[in-house]
Amino acid sequence: MSESTPIRPPAGRYGRAPRVRRWPAWALPAAVIAVVAVPVGVWIGVATLNDPVQWKTVGFSVTGDDNTDITFDVTRGPGVTVSCAVHALSVSYAEVGVRDVVVSPSDERTVRVREPIPTAELATAAEVTSCRVVDPDAAPAD
């Protein structure tokens, strides 16, 4: 049995011969990036939404050589107590003041907090470095 040659119409009889479509060179790398990026983005989004506490520094004001006020927003579940570490920094980014601020539970999910930070010298910046849920059943540290 021999292989037969495919039958083709005479050239030009039915218009141009169809071209074989090829994918652009960038299509495969783009598909690979999309397949990797979408699950990573979903994972980051879910991790952010599941974080029990979120915070955002709103601003600060230097009220003297020995004090700086910080304003920040804390978002957590209703009725949850949170402890946030706030730091005041000098012009060389050295820590010149630190304080733990306890944010009491409330019915509001997001609350704005304004607290003073005592400083050892003039501060030029202030920031919230972390917030964590306080376990209401834990014994107070001595």
N, C-alpha and C. Protein backbone atom coordinates (compact mmCIF):
# COMPACT_ATOMS: atom_id res chain seq x y z
N MET A 1 0.85 -1.16 0.00
CA MET A 1 0.00 0.00 0.00
C MET A 1 0.90 1.23 0.00
N SER A 2 0.63 2.20 -0.86
CA SER A 2 1.46 3.39 -0.95
C SER A 2 0.68 4.58 -0.41
N GLU A 3 1.47 5.55 0.04
CA GLU A 3 0.83 6.77 0.55
C GLU A 3 0.43 7.63 -0.62
N SER A 4 -0.74 8.22 -0.54
CA SER A 4 -1.20 9.06 -1.63
C SER A 4 -0.86 10.51 -1.35
N THR A 5 -0.64 11.25 -2.40
CA THR A 5 -0.35 12.67 -2.31
C THR A 5 -1.68 13.41 -2.15
N PRO A 6 -1.74 14.38 -1.22
CA PRO A 6 -3.00 15.10 -1.06
C PRO A 6 -3.35 15.86 -2.34
N ILE A 7 -4.62 15.91 -2.61
CA ILE A 7 -5.08 16.60 -3.81
C ILE A 7 -5.20 18.08 -3.48
N ARG A 8 -4.60 18.89 -4.33
CA ARG A 8 -4.66 20.34 -4.16
C ARG A 8 -5.25 20.96 -5.41
N PRO A 9 -6.05 22.01 -5.21
CA PRO A 9 -6.60 22.68 -6.39
C PRO A 9 -5.51 23.46 -7.13
N PRO A 10 -5.73 23.79 -8.36
CA PRO A 10 -4.74 24.57 -9.10
C PRO A 10 -4.48 25.90 -8.40
N ALA A 11 -3.22 26.36 -8.42
CA ALA A 11 -2.81 27.59 -7.74
C ALA A 11 -3.62 28.77 -8.26
N GLY A 12 -4.14 29.57 -7.35
CA GLY A 12 -4.86 30.78 -7.70
C GLY A 12 -6.30 30.56 -8.08
N ARG A 13 -6.75 29.34 -8.19
CA ARG A 13 -8.11 29.07 -8.65
C ARG A 13 -9.16 29.51 -7.63
N TYR A 14 -8.90 29.33 -6.34
CA TYR A 14 -9.86 29.67 -5.29
C TYR A 14 -9.31 30.75 -4.36
N GLY A 15 -8.51 31.64 -4.86
CA GLY A 15 -7.92 32.67 -4.03
C GLY A 15 -6.60 32.18 -3.43
N ARG A 16 -6.09 32.96 -2.54
CA ARG A 16 -4.82 32.59 -1.91
C ARG A 16 -4.97 31.35 -1.06
N ALA A 17 -3.89 30.60 -1.01
CA ALA A 17 -3.88 29.40 -0.16
C ALA A 17 -3.89 29.83 1.29
N PRO A 18 -4.62 29.13 2.15
CA PRO A 18 -4.66 29.53 3.56
C PRO A 18 -3.27 29.40 4.19
N ARG A 19 -2.96 30.40 5.05
CA ARG A 19 -1.67 30.38 5.74
C ARG A 19 -1.81 29.59 7.02
N VAL A 20 -0.73 28.99 7.39
CA VAL A 20 -0.70 28.29 8.67
C VAL A 20 -0.54 29.36 9.75
N ARG A 21 -1.47 29.39 10.68
CA ARG A 21 -1.39 30.40 11.74
C ARG A 21 -0.38 29.97 12.78
N ARG A 22 0.47 30.91 13.16
CA ARG A 22 1.45 30.66 14.21
C ARG A 22 1.20 31.63 15.35
N TRP A 23 1.45 31.16 16.55
CA TRP A 23 1.32 32.02 17.72
C TRP A 23 2.50 32.98 17.75
N PRO A 24 2.28 34.22 18.21
CA PRO A 24 3.42 35.15 18.33
C PRO A 24 4.41 34.62 19.36
N ALA A 25 5.65 35.06 19.24
CA ALA A 25 6.72 34.57 20.12
C ALA A 25 6.44 34.90 21.59
N TRP A 26 5.73 35.97 21.86
CA TRP A 26 5.49 36.37 23.25
C TRP A 26 4.33 35.61 23.89
N ALA A 27 3.56 34.86 23.13
CA ALA A 27 2.36 34.22 23.67
C ALA A 27 2.67 33.16 24.72
N LEU A 28 3.65 32.32 24.47
CA LEU A 28 3.96 31.26 25.44
C LEU A 28 4.51 31.83 26.75
N PRO A 29 5.51 32.75 26.73
CA PRO A 29 5.95 33.33 28.01
C PRO A 29 4.83 34.07 28.74
N ALA A 30 3.95 34.75 28.00
CA ALA A 30 2.85 35.46 28.64
C ALA A 30 1.88 34.48 29.31
N ALA A 31 1.62 33.36 28.66
CA ALA A 31 0.72 32.36 29.25
C ALA A 31 1.33 31.76 30.51
N VAL A 32 2.63 31.49 30.47
CA VAL A 32 3.30 30.92 31.65
C VAL A 32 3.26 31.93 32.80
N ILE A 33 3.54 33.20 32.52
CA ILE A 33 3.50 34.23 33.57
C ILE A 33 2.09 34.34 34.14
N ALA A 34 1.08 34.30 33.29
CA ALA A 34 -0.30 34.40 33.77
C ALA A 34 -0.67 33.21 34.65
N VAL A 35 -0.24 32.03 34.25
CA VAL A 35 -0.57 30.82 35.03
C VAL A 35 0.09 30.89 36.40
N VAL A 36 1.25 31.50 36.51
CA VAL A 36 1.93 31.62 37.80
C VAL A 36 1.41 32.82 38.58
N ALA A 37 1.18 33.96 37.92
CA ALA A 37 0.82 35.19 38.60
C ALA A 37 -0.57 35.16 39.21
N VAL A 38 -1.52 34.55 38.55
CA VAL A 38 -2.90 34.55 39.06
C VAL A 38 -2.99 33.83 40.41
N PRO A 39 -2.47 32.61 40.57
CA PRO A 39 -2.55 31.98 41.89
C PRO A 39 -1.77 32.74 42.97
N VAL A 40 -0.63 33.32 42.61
CA VAL A 40 0.15 34.09 43.59
C VAL A 40 -0.66 35.31 44.02
N GLY A 41 -1.30 35.99 43.09
CA GLY A 41 -2.13 37.15 43.44
C GLY A 41 -3.30 36.77 44.32
N VAL A 42 -3.93 35.67 44.02
CA VAL A 42 -5.05 35.20 44.86
C VAL A 42 -4.55 34.85 46.25
N TRP A 43 -3.40 34.20 46.33
CA TRP A 43 -2.84 33.82 47.63
C TRP A 43 -2.53 35.06 48.47
N ILE A 44 -1.94 36.08 47.86
CA ILE A 44 -1.63 37.33 48.59
C ILE A 44 -2.92 38.00 49.03
N GLY A 45 -3.92 38.05 48.16
CA GLY A 45 -5.19 38.67 48.51
C GLY A 45 -5.89 37.97 49.66
N VAL A 46 -5.91 36.66 49.63
CA VAL A 46 -6.55 35.90 50.70
C VAL A 46 -5.79 36.08 52.01
N ALA A 47 -4.46 36.06 51.94
CA ALA A 47 -3.66 36.26 53.16
C ALA A 47 -3.92 37.63 53.76
N THR A 48 -4.06 38.65 52.93
CA THR A 48 -4.32 40.00 53.42
C THR A 48 -5.70 40.08 54.05
N LEU A 49 -6.69 39.47 53.42
CA LEU A 49 -8.04 39.53 53.96
C LEU A 49 -8.18 38.72 55.25
N ASN A 50 -7.37 37.68 55.39
CA ASN A 50 -7.44 36.85 56.59
C ASN A 50 -6.61 37.40 57.74
N ASP A 51 -5.82 38.44 57.49
CA ASP A 51 -5.00 39.03 58.55
C ASP A 51 -5.95 39.61 59.60
N PRO A 52 -5.79 39.20 60.87
CA PRO A 52 -6.74 39.65 61.89
C PRO A 52 -6.63 41.14 62.21
N VAL A 53 -5.47 41.76 61.93
CA VAL A 53 -5.27 43.18 62.23
C VAL A 53 -4.56 43.83 61.05
N GLN A 54 -5.05 44.99 60.68
CA GLN A 54 -4.39 45.80 59.66
C GLN A 54 -4.27 47.21 60.20
N TRP A 55 -3.19 47.90 59.83
CA TRP A 55 -2.98 49.25 60.33
C TRP A 55 -2.40 50.12 59.23
N LYS A 56 -2.58 51.43 59.42
CA LYS A 56 -2.06 52.39 58.46
C LYS A 56 -1.72 53.67 59.22
N THR A 57 -0.46 54.10 59.09
CA THR A 57 -0.06 55.36 59.70
C THR A 57 -0.68 56.50 58.90
N VAL A 58 -1.41 57.37 59.58
CA VAL A 58 -2.08 58.49 58.93
C VAL A 58 -1.18 59.72 58.95
N GLY A 59 -0.50 59.95 60.08
CA GLY A 59 0.37 61.12 60.19
C GLY A 59 0.97 61.23 61.57
N PHE A 60 1.80 62.23 61.73
CA PHE A 60 2.41 62.49 63.03
C PHE A 60 2.67 63.98 63.14
N SER A 61 2.85 64.43 64.39
CA SER A 61 3.23 65.83 64.61
C SER A 61 4.23 65.87 65.75
N VAL A 62 5.28 66.62 65.54
CA VAL A 62 6.31 66.80 66.56
C VAL A 62 5.83 67.92 67.46
N THR A 63 5.60 67.61 68.74
CA THR A 63 5.06 68.61 69.66
C THR A 63 6.13 69.17 70.60
N GLY A 64 7.37 68.71 70.43
CA GLY A 64 8.47 69.21 71.25
C GLY A 64 9.67 68.30 71.14
N ASP A 65 10.76 68.68 71.82
CA ASP A 65 11.96 67.85 71.79
C ASP A 65 11.75 66.51 72.48
N ASP A 66 10.74 66.44 73.35
CA ASP A 66 10.56 65.21 74.13
C ASP A 66 9.22 64.51 73.87
N ASN A 67 8.53 64.90 72.79
CA ASN A 67 7.23 64.27 72.53
C ASN A 67 6.85 64.41 71.05
N THR A 68 6.26 63.34 70.52
CA THR A 68 5.73 63.32 69.16
C THR A 68 4.39 62.60 69.20
N ASP A 69 3.39 63.17 68.55
CA ASP A 69 2.08 62.52 68.49
C ASP A 69 1.96 61.77 67.17
N ILE A 70 1.37 60.58 67.23
CA ILE A 70 1.14 59.78 66.02
C ILE A 70 -0.36 59.52 65.88
N THR A 71 -0.83 59.52 64.63
CA THR A 71 -2.21 59.21 64.31
C THR A 71 -2.21 58.04 63.35
N PHE A 72 -2.99 57.01 63.67
CA PHE A 72 -3.04 55.84 62.80
C PHE A 72 -4.42 55.19 62.87
N ASP A 73 -4.74 54.44 61.82
CA ASP A 73 -5.99 53.69 61.75
C ASP A 73 -5.70 52.22 62.00
N VAL A 74 -6.59 51.58 62.76
CA VAL A 74 -6.48 50.14 63.03
C VAL A 74 -7.79 49.50 62.59
N THR A 75 -7.67 48.44 61.80
CA THR A 75 -8.83 47.68 61.35
C THR A 75 -8.73 46.28 61.92
N ARG A 76 -9.77 45.87 62.63
CA ARG A 76 -9.83 44.54 63.24
C ARG A 76 -11.29 44.19 63.44
N GLY A 77 -11.54 42.97 63.85
CA GLY A 77 -12.91 42.54 64.09
C GLY A 77 -13.53 43.30 65.24
N PRO A 78 -14.84 43.44 65.24
CA PRO A 78 -15.50 44.12 66.36
C PRO A 78 -15.26 43.36 67.66
N GLY A 79 -15.02 44.10 68.72
CA GLY A 79 -14.81 43.49 70.03
C GLY A 79 -13.42 42.93 70.24
N VAL A 80 -12.47 43.20 69.36
CA VAL A 80 -11.12 42.66 69.47
C VAL A 80 -10.19 43.74 70.03
N THR A 81 -9.38 43.38 71.04
CA THR A 81 -8.38 44.27 71.60
C THR A 81 -7.07 44.06 70.85
N VAL A 82 -6.40 45.17 70.53
CA VAL A 82 -5.17 45.13 69.73
C VAL A 82 -4.09 45.93 70.44
N SER A 83 -2.85 45.45 70.33
CA SER A 83 -1.69 46.19 70.84
C SER A 83 -0.79 46.53 69.66
N CYS A 84 -0.45 47.82 69.52
CA CYS A 84 0.37 48.28 68.40
C CYS A 84 1.67 48.89 68.92
N ALA A 85 2.77 48.55 68.27
CA ALA A 85 4.08 49.14 68.60
C ALA A 85 4.28 50.36 67.72
N VAL A 86 4.48 51.52 68.34
CA VAL A 86 4.74 52.75 67.60
C VAL A 86 6.13 53.25 67.94
N HIS A 87 6.82 53.79 66.93
CA HIS A 87 8.20 54.23 67.09
C HIS A 87 8.35 55.66 66.58
N ALA A 88 9.15 56.44 67.29
CA ALA A 88 9.53 57.78 66.83
C ALA A 88 10.99 57.70 66.40
N LEU A 89 11.31 58.35 65.28
CA LEU A 89 12.65 58.25 64.70
C LEU A 89 13.28 59.63 64.57
N SER A 90 14.61 59.68 64.72
CA SER A 90 15.35 60.93 64.54
C SER A 90 15.65 61.15 63.07
N VAL A 91 16.34 62.24 62.76
CA VAL A 91 16.68 62.56 61.38
C VAL A 91 17.57 61.49 60.76
N SER A 92 18.35 60.77 61.59
CA SER A 92 19.21 59.70 61.09
C SER A 92 18.52 58.33 61.19
N TYR A 93 17.21 58.33 61.38
CA TYR A 93 16.39 57.13 61.51
C TYR A 93 16.72 56.28 62.74
N ALA A 94 17.35 56.88 63.71
CA ALA A 94 17.59 56.20 64.98
C ALA A 94 16.28 56.26 65.79
N GLU A 95 16.01 55.19 66.51
CA GLU A 95 14.80 55.14 67.33
C GLU A 95 15.01 56.01 68.56
N VAL A 96 14.17 57.05 68.72
CA VAL A 96 14.28 57.94 69.86
C VAL A 96 13.08 57.84 70.79
N GLY A 97 12.11 57.02 70.42
CA GLY A 97 10.95 56.80 71.28
C GLY A 97 10.19 55.59 70.81
N VAL A 98 9.66 54.83 71.77
CA VAL A 98 8.87 53.65 71.44
C VAL A 98 7.77 53.50 72.48
N ARG A 99 6.64 52.98 72.02
CA ARG A 99 5.52 52.82 72.94
C ARG A 99 4.59 51.75 72.40
N ASP A 100 4.02 50.95 73.29
CA ASP A 100 2.97 50.01 72.93
C ASP A 100 1.63 50.69 73.23
N VAL A 101 0.78 50.74 72.23
CA VAL A 101 -0.53 51.37 72.37
C VAL A 101 -1.59 50.28 72.32
N VAL A 102 -2.42 50.21 73.33
CA VAL A 102 -3.52 49.24 73.37
C VAL A 102 -4.76 49.92 72.82
N VAL A 103 -5.33 49.30 71.78
CA VAL A 103 -6.56 49.81 71.17
C VAL A 103 -7.70 48.96 71.71
N SER A 104 -8.56 49.59 72.47
CA SER A 104 -9.67 48.89 73.13
C SER A 104 -10.69 48.40 72.11
N PRO A 105 -11.44 47.35 72.48
CA PRO A 105 -12.48 46.85 71.56
C PRO A 105 -13.58 47.89 71.36
N SER A 106 -14.18 47.83 70.20
CA SER A 106 -15.31 48.72 69.91
C SER A 106 -16.22 48.04 68.88
N ASP A 107 -17.36 48.65 68.66
CA ASP A 107 -18.29 48.12 67.65
C ASP A 107 -17.81 48.46 66.24
N GLU A 108 -16.97 49.49 66.14
CA GLU A 108 -16.44 49.91 64.84
C GLU A 108 -15.34 48.95 64.39
N ARG A 109 -15.31 48.63 63.10
CA ARG A 109 -14.25 47.77 62.56
C ARG A 109 -12.94 48.53 62.43
N THR A 110 -12.99 49.78 62.00
CA THR A 110 -11.80 50.62 61.87
C THR A 110 -11.92 51.80 62.81
N VAL A 111 -10.87 52.03 63.59
CA VAL A 111 -10.84 53.17 64.51
C VAL A 111 -9.58 53.99 64.24
N ARG A 112 -9.69 55.29 64.46
CA ARG A 112 -8.54 56.18 64.35
C ARG A 112 -8.02 56.46 65.75
N VAL A 113 -6.71 56.30 65.90
CA VAL A 113 -6.07 56.46 67.21
C VAL A 113 -5.04 57.58 67.11
N ARG A 114 -5.00 58.44 68.12
CA ARG A 114 -3.97 59.48 68.22
C ARG A 114 -3.33 59.34 69.60
N GLU A 115 -2.02 59.09 69.61
CA GLU A 115 -1.32 58.84 70.87
C GLU A 115 0.01 59.58 70.90
N PRO A 116 0.42 60.04 72.09
CA PRO A 116 1.76 60.65 72.21
C PRO A 116 2.83 59.57 72.36
N ILE A 117 4.03 59.87 71.85
CA ILE A 117 5.19 59.00 72.04
C ILE A 117 6.26 59.84 72.75
N PRO A 118 6.59 59.52 74.00
CA PRO A 118 7.68 60.24 74.66
C PRO A 118 8.99 59.95 73.92
N THR A 119 9.82 60.99 73.73
CA THR A 119 11.07 60.82 72.98
C THR A 119 12.26 61.30 73.79
N ALA A 120 13.42 60.70 73.52
CA ALA A 120 14.66 61.09 74.19
C ALA A 120 15.28 62.33 73.55
N GLU A 121 14.98 62.57 72.29
CA GLU A 121 15.45 63.76 71.58
C GLU A 121 14.44 64.08 70.49
N LEU A 122 14.68 65.13 69.73
CA LEU A 122 13.75 65.56 68.70
C LEU A 122 13.53 64.46 67.67
N ALA A 123 12.28 64.12 67.44
CA ALA A 123 11.92 63.13 66.42
C ALA A 123 11.53 63.85 65.14
N THR A 124 11.81 63.19 64.01
CA THR A 124 11.43 63.77 62.72
C THR A 124 10.46 62.86 61.97
N ALA A 125 10.14 61.71 62.54
CA ALA A 125 9.19 60.79 61.92
C ALA A 125 8.62 59.88 63.00
N ALA A 126 7.46 59.30 62.70
CA ALA A 126 6.84 58.33 63.60
C ALA A 126 6.10 57.32 62.74
N GLU A 127 6.09 56.07 63.20
CA GLU A 127 5.43 55.02 62.42
C GLU A 127 4.92 53.91 63.32
N VAL A 128 3.92 53.20 62.82
CA VAL A 128 3.44 51.99 63.47
C VAL A 128 4.22 50.84 62.83
N THR A 129 4.91 50.04 63.64
CA THR A 129 5.71 48.95 63.08
C THR A 129 5.00 47.61 63.11
N SER A 130 4.06 47.44 64.04
CA SER A 130 3.31 46.18 64.09
C SER A 130 2.08 46.35 64.98
N CYS A 131 1.11 45.50 64.72
CA CYS A 131 -0.08 45.40 65.58
C CYS A 131 -0.41 43.93 65.71
N ARG A 132 -0.89 43.55 66.88
CA ARG A 132 -1.25 42.15 67.11
C ARG A 132 -2.48 42.11 67.99
N VAL A 133 -3.22 41.02 67.85
CA VAL A 133 -4.40 40.80 68.68
C VAL A 133 -3.94 40.42 70.08
N VAL A 134 -4.54 41.05 71.08
CA VAL A 134 -4.23 40.74 72.47
C VAL A 134 -5.19 39.65 72.92
N ASP A 135 -4.64 38.58 73.45
CA ASP A 135 -5.47 37.47 73.95
C ASP A 135 -6.12 37.91 75.26
N PRO A 136 -7.45 38.01 75.30
CA PRO A 136 -8.12 38.49 76.52
C PRO A 136 -7.95 37.54 77.69
N ASP A 137 -7.62 36.27 77.43
CA ASP A 137 -7.48 35.30 78.52
C ASP A 137 -6.06 35.23 79.07
N ALA A 138 -5.11 35.91 78.39
CA ALA A 138 -3.71 35.85 78.83
C ALA A 138 -3.53 36.68 80.10
N ALA A 139 -2.68 36.18 80.96
CA ALA A 139 -2.37 36.89 82.20
C ALA A 139 -1.48 38.08 81.87
N PRO A 140 -1.66 39.23 82.53
CA PRO A 140 -0.80 40.38 82.26
C PRO A 140 0.65 40.08 82.65
N ALA A 141 1.57 40.60 81.84
CA ALA A 141 3.01 40.40 82.12
C ALA A 141 3.43 41.29 83.27
N ASP A 142 4.28 40.78 84.13
CA ASP A 142 4.76 41.59 85.27
C ASP A 142 6.06 42.24 84.95
